[in-house]
C-alpha atoms as a PDB file:
ATOM      1  CA  UNK A   1     -39.729 -33.634-104.746  1.00  0.00           C
ATOM      2  CA  UNK A   2     -42.355 -30.995-104.008  1.00  0.00           C
ATOM      3  CA  UNK A   3     -43.264 -30.767-100.349  1.00  0.00           C
ATOM      4  CA  UNK A   4     -46.933 -30.597 -99.327  1.00  0.00           C
ATOM      5  CA  UNK A   5     -48.184 -27.724 -97.239  1.00  0.00           C
ATOM      6  CA  UNK A   6     -48.184 -29.656 -93.946  1.00  0.00           C
ATOM      7  CA  UNK A   7     -44.545 -30.609 -94.472  1.00  0.00           C
ATOM      8  CA  UNK A   8     -43.604 -27.001 -95.320  1.00  0.00           C
ATOM      9  CA  UNK A   9     -45.394 -25.691 -92.222  1.00  0.00           C
ATOM     10  CA  UNK A  10     -43.754 -28.270 -89.950  1.00  0.00           C
ATOM     11  CA  UNK A  11     -40.358 -27.531 -91.542  1.00  0.00           C
ATOM     12  CA  UNK A  12     -40.854 -23.801 -91.031  1.00  0.00           C
ATOM     13  CA  UNK A  13     -41.603 -24.363 -87.350  1.00  0.00           C
ATOM     14  CA  UNK A  14     -38.496 -26.475 -86.863  1.00  0.00           C
ATOM     15  CA  UNK A  15     -36.299 -24.014 -88.776  1.00  0.00           C
ATOM     16  CA  UNK A  16     -37.537 -20.974 -86.888  1.00  0.00           C
ATOM     17  CA  UNK A  17     -37.044 -22.711 -83.552  1.00  0.00           C
ATOM     18  CA  UNK A  18     -33.462 -23.488 -84.513  1.00  0.00           C
ATOM     19  CA  UNK A  19     -32.787 -19.970 -85.845  1.00  0.00           C
ATOM     20  CA  UNK A  20     -34.203 -18.382 -82.718  1.00  0.00           C
ATOM     21  CA  UNK A  21     -32.454 -20.765 -80.342  1.00  0.00           C
ATOM     22  CA  UNK A  22     -35.744 -21.940 -78.913  1.00  0.00           C
ATOM     23  CA  UNK A  23     -37.004 -25.412 -78.064  1.00  0.00           C
ATOM     24  CA  UNK A  24     -40.414 -26.418 -79.391  1.00  0.00           C
ATOM     25  CA  UNK A  25     -41.603 -26.405 -75.757  1.00  0.00           C
ATOM     26  CA  UNK A  26     -40.525 -22.757 -75.438  1.00  0.00           C
ATOM     27  CA  UNK A  27     -42.200 -21.939 -78.741  1.00  0.00           C
ATOM     28  CA  UNK A  28     -45.421 -23.574 -77.511  1.00  0.00           C
ATOM     29  CA  UNK A  29     -45.359 -21.691 -74.183  1.00  0.00           C
ATOM     30  CA  UNK A  30     -44.819 -18.335 -75.971  1.00  0.00           C
ATOM     31  CA  UNK A  31     -47.784 -19.125 -78.262  1.00  0.00           C
ATOM     32  CA  UNK A  32     -49.942 -20.124 -75.290  1.00  0.00           C
ATOM     33  CA  UNK A  33     -50.227 -23.703 -76.505  1.00  0.00           C
ATOM     34  CA  UNK A  34     -49.552 -27.165 -75.164  1.00  0.00           C
ATOM     35  CA  UNK A  35     -46.660 -28.819 -77.034  1.00  0.00           C
ATOM     36  CA  UNK A  36     -49.064 -31.425 -78.380  1.00  0.00           C
ATOM     37  CA  UNK A  37     -51.286 -28.607 -79.614  1.00  0.00           C
ATOM     38  CA  UNK A  38     -48.335 -27.070 -81.456  1.00  0.00           C
ATOM     39  CA  UNK A  39     -47.613 -30.347 -83.231  1.00  0.00           C
ATOM     40  CA  UNK A  40     -51.306 -30.710 -84.178  1.00  0.00           C
ATOM     41  CA  UNK A  41     -51.259 -27.214 -85.681  1.00  0.00           C
ATOM     42  CA  UNK A  42     -48.093 -27.964 -87.605  1.00  0.00           C
ATOM     43  CA  UNK A  43     -49.365 -31.244 -89.122  1.00  0.00           C
ATOM     44  CA  UNK A  44     -52.809 -29.934 -89.901  1.00  0.00           C
ATOM     45  CA  UNK A  45     -54.687 -32.118 -87.331  1.00  0.00           C
ATOM     46  CA  UNK A  46     -56.347 -28.986 -86.008  1.00  0.00           C
ATOM     47  CA  UNK A  47     -58.241 -27.952 -89.122  1.00  0.00           C
ATOM     48  CA  UNK A  48     -59.691 -24.598 -88.196  1.00  0.00           C
ATOM     49  CA  UNK A  49     -57.813 -22.792 -85.398  1.00  0.00           C
ATOM     50  CA  UNK A  50     -58.829 -19.317 -84.331  1.00  0.00           C
ATOM     51  CA  UNK A  51     -57.137 -16.296 -85.862  1.00  0.00           C
ATOM     52  CA  UNK A  52     -55.919 -15.390 -82.376  1.00  0.00           C
ATOM     53  CA  UNK A  53     -54.130 -18.742 -82.088  1.00  0.00           C
ATOM     54  CA  UNK A  54     -52.357 -18.242 -85.391  1.00  0.00           C
ATOM     55  CA  UNK A  55     -51.377 -14.704 -84.449  1.00  0.00           C
ATOM     56  CA  UNK A  56     -49.843 -15.960 -81.199  1.00  0.00           C
ATOM     57  CA  UNK A  57     -47.981 -18.687 -83.117  1.00  0.00           C
ATOM     58  CA  UNK A  58     -46.724 -16.119 -85.623  1.00  0.00           C
ATOM     59  CA  UNK A  59     -45.506 -14.022 -82.694  1.00  0.00           C
ATOM     60  CA  UNK A  60     -43.651 -16.937 -81.186  1.00  0.00           C
ATOM     61  CA  UNK A  61     -42.107 -17.868 -84.543  1.00  0.00           C
ATOM     62  CA  UNK A  62     -41.365 -14.215 -85.385  1.00  0.00           C
ATOM     63  CA  UNK A  63     -42.850 -14.494 -88.844  1.00  0.00           C
ATOM     64  CA  UNK A  64     -45.419 -12.472 -90.727  1.00  0.00           C
ATOM     65  CA  UNK A  65     -48.873 -13.329 -89.334  1.00  0.00           C
ATOM     66  CA  UNK A  66     -50.413 -12.805 -92.756  1.00  0.00           C
ATOM     67  CA  UNK A  67     -48.011 -15.289 -94.368  1.00  0.00           C
ATOM     68  CA  UNK A  68     -48.618 -17.867 -91.648  1.00  0.00           C
ATOM     69  CA  UNK A  69     -52.414 -17.623 -91.899  1.00  0.00           C
ATOM     70  CA  UNK A  70     -52.256 -17.958 -95.684  1.00  0.00           C
ATOM     71  CA  UNK A  71     -49.933 -20.966 -95.412  1.00  0.00           C
ATOM     72  CA  UNK A  72     -52.174 -22.607 -92.831  1.00  0.00           C
ATOM     73  CA  UNK A  73     -55.245 -21.844 -94.932  1.00  0.00           C
ATOM     74  CA  UNK A  74     -53.761 -23.914 -97.744  1.00  0.00           C
ATOM     75  CA  UNK A  75     -53.815 -26.993 -95.478  1.00  0.00           C
ATOM     76  CA  UNK A  76     -57.586 -26.747 -95.486  1.00  0.00           C
ATOM     77  CA  UNK A  77     -57.790 -26.584 -99.279  1.00  0.00           C
ATOM     78  CA  UNK A  78     -59.344 -29.609-101.020  1.00  0.00           C
ATOM     79  CA  UNK A  79     -56.665 -32.068-102.047  1.00  0.00           C
ATOM     80  CA  UNK A  80     -57.633 -31.736-105.695  1.00  0.00           C
ATOM     81  CA  UNK A  81     -57.034 -28.028-105.644  1.00  0.00           C
ATOM     82  CA  UNK A  82     -53.595 -28.461-104.095  1.00  0.00           C
ATOM     83  CA  UNK A  83     -52.736 -31.278-106.478  1.00  0.00           C
ATOM     84  CA  UNK A  84     -53.457 -29.010-109.453  1.00  0.00           C
ATOM     85  CA  UNK A  85     -51.140 -26.416-108.005  1.00  0.00           C
ATOM     86  CA  UNK A  86     -54.017 -23.927-107.772  1.00  0.00           C
ATOM     87  CA  UNK A  87     -54.514 -21.582-104.863  1.00  0.00           C
ATOM     88  CA  UNK A  88     -57.595 -21.774-102.665  1.00  0.00           C
ATOM     89  CA  UNK A  89     -56.491 -18.733-100.702  1.00  0.00           C
ATOM     90  CA  UNK A  90     -58.348 -16.212-102.861  1.00  0.00           C
ATOM     91  CA  UNK A  91     -61.557 -18.269-102.936  1.00  0.00           C
ATOM     92  CA  UNK A  92     -63.542 -19.891-100.124  1.00  0.00           C
ATOM     93  CA  UNK A  93     -66.597 -22.104 -99.772  1.00  0.00           C
ATOM     94  CA  UNK A  94     -69.130 -21.280 -97.078  1.00  0.00           C
ATOM     95  CA  UNK A  95     -68.896 -22.935 -93.674  1.00  0.00           C
ATOM     96  CA  UNK A  96     -72.665 -22.854 -93.179  1.00  0.00           C
ATOM     97  CA  UNK A  97     -73.885 -23.358 -96.742  1.00  0.00           C
ATOM     98  CA  UNK A  98     -71.955 -25.191 -99.447  1.00  0.00           C
ATOM     99  CA  UNK A  99     -73.597 -23.019-102.088  1.00  0.00           C
ATOM    100  CA  UNK A 100     -71.971 -19.942-100.588  1.00  0.00           C
ATOM    101  CA  UNK A 101     -68.590 -18.873-102.009  1.00  0.00           C
ATOM    102  CA  UNK A 102     -66.457 -15.764-101.974  1.00  0.00           C
ATOM    103  CA  UNK A 103     -63.357 -14.656-103.812  1.00  0.00           C
ATOM    104  CA  UNK A 104     -60.828 -11.956-103.006  1.00  0.00           C
ATOM    105  CA  UNK A 105     -60.305 -10.356-106.419  1.00  0.00           C
ATOM    106  CA  UNK A 106     -57.715  -7.808-105.402  1.00  0.00           C
ATOM    107  CA  UNK A 107     -55.998  -5.733-102.768  1.00  0.00           C
ATOM    108  CA  UNK A 108     -56.986  -2.486-104.506  1.00  0.00           C
ATOM    109  CA  UNK A 109     -54.829  -0.245-102.256  1.00  0.00           C
ATOM    110  CA  UNK A 110     -51.961  -0.798 -99.819  1.00  0.00           C
ATOM    111  CA  UNK A 111     -50.380  -4.062-100.930  1.00  0.00           C
ATOM    112  CA  UNK A 112     -48.896  -6.243 -98.187  1.00  0.00           C
ATOM    113  CA  UNK A 113     -45.676  -4.795 -96.743  1.00  0.00           C
ATOM    114  CA  UNK A 114     -46.356  -1.354 -98.190  1.00  0.00           C
ATOM    115  CA  UNK A 115     -44.290   1.386 -96.457  1.00  0.00           C
ATOM    116  CA  UNK A 116     -46.227   4.051 -94.584  1.00  0.00           C
ATOM    117  CA  UNK A 117     -45.049   6.956 -92.436  1.00  0.00           C
ATOM    118  CA  UNK A 118     -45.473   6.991 -88.674  1.00  0.00           C
ATOM    119  CA  UNK A 119     -48.810   8.537 -87.798  1.00  0.00           C
ATOM    120  CA  UNK A 120     -50.039   8.305 -91.409  1.00  0.00           C
ATOM    121  CA  UNK A 121     -53.773   7.730 -91.965  1.00  0.00           C
ATOM    122  CA  UNK A 122     -54.396   5.422 -94.910  1.00  0.00           C
ATOM    123  CA  UNK A 123     -57.276   3.538 -96.479  1.00  0.00           C
ATOM    124  CA  UNK A 124     -57.147  -0.133 -97.326  1.00  0.00           C
ATOM    125  CA  UNK A 125     -59.557  -1.332-100.047  1.00  0.00           C
ATOM    126  CA  UNK A 126     -60.334  -4.945-100.861  1.00  0.00           C
ATOM    127  CA  UNK A 127     -62.389  -6.123-103.818  1.00  0.00           C
ATOM    128  CA  UNK A 128     -64.506  -9.180-103.025  1.00  0.00           C
ATOM    129  CA  UNK A 129     -66.811 -11.098-105.339  1.00  0.00           C
ATOM    130  CA  UNK A 130     -69.816 -13.319-104.560  1.00  0.00           C
ATOM    131  CA  UNK A 131     -68.949 -16.377-106.658  1.00  0.00           C
ATOM    132  CA  UNK A 132     -71.536 -18.687-105.090  1.00  0.00           C
ATOM    133  CA  UNK A 133     -75.299 -19.115-105.356  1.00  0.00           C
ATOM    134  CA  UNK A 134     -76.295 -17.410-102.114  1.00  0.00           C
ATOM    135  CA  UNK A 135     -77.508 -13.789-101.948  1.00  0.00           C
ATOM    136  CA  UNK A 136     -75.405 -11.983 -99.357  1.00  0.00           C
ATOM    137  CA  UNK A 137     -77.563 -10.081 -96.907  1.00  0.00           C
ATOM    138  CA  UNK A 138     -76.766  -8.599 -93.514  1.00  0.00           C
ATOM    139  CA  UNK A 139     -73.075  -9.477 -93.659  1.00  0.00           C
ATOM    140  CA  UNK A 140     -70.285  -7.572 -91.988  1.00  0.00           C
ATOM    141  CA  UNK A 141     -66.497  -7.448 -92.264  1.00  0.00           C
ATOM    142  CA  UNK A 142     -65.214  -7.745 -88.675  1.00  0.00           C
ATOM    143  CA  UNK A 143     -61.740  -7.095 -87.257  1.00  0.00           C
ATOM    144  CA  UNK A 144     -60.615 -10.235 -85.397  1.00  0.00           C
ATOM    145  CA  UNK A 145     -56.988  -9.528 -84.511  1.00  0.00           C
ATOM    146  CA  UNK A 146     -55.370  -8.133 -81.475  1.00  0.00           C
ATOM    147  CA  UNK A 147     -52.492  -5.762 -82.154  1.00  0.00           C
ATOM    148  CA  UNK A 148     -49.604  -7.688 -83.718  1.00  0.00           C
ATOM    149  CA  UNK A 149     -46.365  -5.966 -84.582  1.00  0.00           C
ATOM    150  CA  UNK A 150     -42.611  -6.408 -84.936  1.00  0.00           C
ATOM    151  CA  UNK A 151     -40.242  -3.996 -83.208  1.00  0.00           C
ATOM    152  CA  UNK A 152     -36.530  -4.485 -83.444  1.00  0.00           C
ATOM    153  CA  UNK A 153     -37.022  -8.135 -84.424  1.00  0.00           C
ATOM    154  CA  UNK A 154     -39.389  -8.711 -81.439  1.00  0.00           C
ATOM    155  CA  UNK A 155     -42.816  -9.729 -82.661  1.00  0.00           C
ATOM    156  CA  UNK A 156     -45.590  -9.683 -80.089  1.00  0.00           C
ATOM    157  CA  UNK A 157     -49.280 -10.386 -80.506  1.00  0.00           C
ATOM    158  CA  UNK A 158     -49.966  -8.219 -77.447  1.00  0.00           C
ATOM    159  CA  UNK A 159     -47.894  -5.251 -78.484  1.00  0.00           C
ATOM    160  CA  UNK A 160     -48.249  -1.853 -76.948  1.00  0.00           C
ATOM    161  CA  UNK A 161     -48.347  -0.583 -80.530  1.00  0.00           C
ATOM    162  CA  UNK A 162     -51.629  -0.694 -82.389  1.00  0.00           C
ATOM    163  CA  UNK A 163     -52.717  -0.299 -86.010  1.00  0.00           C
ATOM    164  CA  UNK A 164     -55.726   1.745 -85.089  1.00  0.00           C
ATOM    165  CA  UNK A 165     -58.765   1.447 -87.307  1.00  0.00           C
ATOM    166  CA  UNK A 166     -61.642   3.910 -87.581  1.00  0.00           C
ATOM    167  CA  UNK A 167     -64.092   1.012 -87.059  1.00  0.00           C
ATOM    168  CA  UNK A 168     -63.941  -2.623 -85.985  1.00  0.00           C
ATOM    169  CA  UNK A 169     -66.698  -3.740 -88.334  1.00  0.00           C
ATOM    170  CA  UNK A 170     -67.844  -2.679 -91.781  1.00  0.00           C
ATOM    171  CA  UNK A 171     -71.279  -3.316 -93.281  1.00  0.00           C
ATOM    172  CA  UNK A 172     -71.127  -5.331 -96.496  1.00  0.00           C
ATOM    173  CA  UNK A 173     -73.748  -4.154 -99.038  1.00  0.00           C
ATOM    174  CA  UNK A 174     -76.319  -6.772-100.047  1.00  0.00           C
ATOM    175  CA  UNK A 175     -74.637  -8.599-102.918  1.00  0.00           C
ATOM    176  CA  UNK A 176     -76.243 -10.982-105.425  1.00  0.00           C
ATOM    177  CA  UNK A 177     -74.425 -14.008-106.870  1.00  0.00           C
ATOM    178  CA  UNK A 178     -71.800 -12.716-109.288  1.00  0.00           C
ATOM    179  CA  UNK A 179     -71.776  -9.311-107.677  1.00  0.00           C
ATOM    180  CA  UNK A 180     -68.577  -7.443-106.835  1.00  0.00           C
ATOM    181  CA  UNK A 181     -68.146  -5.206-103.809  1.00  0.00           C
ATOM    182  CA  UNK A 182     -65.304  -3.019-102.621  1.00  0.00           C
ATOM    183  CA  UNK A 183     -64.780  -2.811 -98.842  1.00  0.00           C
ATOM    184  CA  UNK A 184     -62.624  -0.156 -97.259  1.00  0.00           C
ATOM    185  CA  UNK A 185     -61.146   0.401 -93.813  1.00  0.00           C
ATOM    186  CA  UNK A 186     -59.208   3.433 -92.573  1.00  0.00           C
ATOM    187  CA  UNK A 187     -56.149   2.933 -90.405  1.00  0.00           C
ATOM    188  CA  UNK A 188     -53.726   5.131 -88.505  1.00  0.00           C
ATOM    189  CA  UNK A 189     -50.112   3.874 -88.266  1.00  0.00           C
ATOM    190  CA  UNK A 190     -48.274   4.042 -84.917  1.00  0.00           C
ATOM    191  CA  UNK A 191     -45.382   6.521 -84.530  1.00  0.00           C
ATOM    192  CA  UNK A 192     -42.620   3.974 -84.251  1.00  0.00           C
ATOM    193  CA  UNK A 193     -40.624   1.867 -86.694  1.00  0.00           C
ATOM    194  CA  UNK A 194     -42.280  -1.523 -86.962  1.00  0.00           C
ATOM    195  CA  UNK A 195     -44.197  -3.971 -89.141  1.00  0.00           C
ATOM    196  CA  UNK A 196     -47.787  -4.255 -88.042  1.00  0.00           C
ATOM    197  CA  UNK A 197     -50.812  -6.231 -89.196  1.00  0.00           C
ATOM    198  CA  UNK A 198     -54.595  -6.438 -88.977  1.00  0.00           C
ATOM    199  CA  UNK A 199     -56.892  -9.332 -89.896  1.00  0.00           C
ATOM    200  CA  UNK A 200     -60.587  -9.205 -90.764  1.00  0.00           C
ATOM    201  CA  UNK A 201     -63.197 -11.850 -91.565  1.00  0.00           C
ATOM    202  CA  UNK A 202     -66.736 -11.933 -93.053  1.00  0.00           C
ATOM    203  CA  UNK A 203     -69.578 -12.769 -90.599  1.00  0.00           C
ATOM    204  CA  UNK A 204     -73.241 -13.375 -91.253  1.00  0.00           C
ATOM    205  CA  UNK A 205     -76.367 -11.949 -89.537  1.00  0.00           C
ATOM    206  CA  UNK A 206     -75.982 -14.478 -86.724  1.00  0.00           C
ATOM    207  CA  UNK A 207     -72.396 -13.251 -86.058  1.00  0.00           C
ATOM    208  CA  UNK A 208     -70.941 -16.534 -87.370  1.00  0.00           C
ATOM    209  CA  UNK A 209     -67.843 -16.639 -89.586  1.00  0.00           C
ATOM    210  CA  UNK A 210     -68.944 -17.288 -93.155  1.00  0.00           C
ATOM    211  CA  UNK A 211     -65.682 -18.939 -94.264  1.00  0.00           C
ATOM    212  CA  UNK A 212     -62.768 -20.856 -92.759  1.00  0.00           C
ATOM    213  CA  UNK A 213     -59.488 -19.557 -91.361  1.00  0.00           C
ATOM    214  CA  UNK A 214     -57.837 -19.645 -94.776  1.00  0.00           C
ATOM    215  CA  UNK A 215     -60.041 -16.870 -96.137  1.00  0.00           C
ATOM    216  CA  UNK A 216     -59.625 -13.436 -94.605  1.00  0.00           C
ATOM    217  CA  UNK A 217     -58.932  -9.858 -95.531  1.00  0.00           C
ATOM    218  CA  UNK A 218     -55.769  -8.470 -94.125  1.00  0.00           C
ATOM    219  CA  UNK A 219     -53.301  -5.647 -94.129  1.00  0.00           C
ATOM    220  CA  UNK A 220     -49.676  -5.585 -93.115  1.00  0.00           C
ATOM    221  CA  UNK A 221     -47.556  -2.501 -93.394  1.00  0.00           C
ATOM    222  CA  UNK A 222     -44.001  -1.390 -92.631  1.00  0.00           C
ATOM    223  CA  UNK A 223     -43.998   1.820 -90.619  1.00  0.00           C
ATOM    224  CA  UNK A 224     -41.089   4.254 -90.960  1.00  0.00           C
ATOM    225  CA  UNK A 225     -41.250   6.981 -88.339  1.00  0.00           C
ATOM    226  CA  UNK A 226     -39.000   9.757 -89.602  1.00  0.00           C
END
């Protein structure tokens, strides 16, 4: 029997607690949550948690923050989409206007878990398409994560390491319906062996997120400091 996303997420939480020798109460404390809040996240009762909350939970579970955010985003997919087996993770409907929709066409450079050298400067490029009916104007791509990294199997959302970016926000060119735009961000890897991630979201002129938690642009790299 195929498990739904909520069941998979709850099962992952239980399994990671067992593997790490932690109680769910300990897991909740490390994530900065009440235990009841942790259960609500796991069963999808909390429909749109902040990115920071999911990063803290990923830290407590010692899992990839990108993978957890994508898994949680699937909970918010319309039931029909999940029933068809399709993925909503590359496409999102607007929070503020149902005619607004975006699709992540491709990670053009630096696929997730790409290996980079310590201190290396690299450019991440995402290709995004306006697949709705709203003309995009005055939008920005904004970095919303705190530093999140794994060092010697210790993942911390408040790590002393940082995947430095040249900017914390990027102007999105005005884009008509059907238009495609490539967005790029430059990063500098820390000089220590680790896996490290950064998460970005699209905001409108009023500084509001355009789409839900399940739609974001991210990068996660494995750093090898030789």
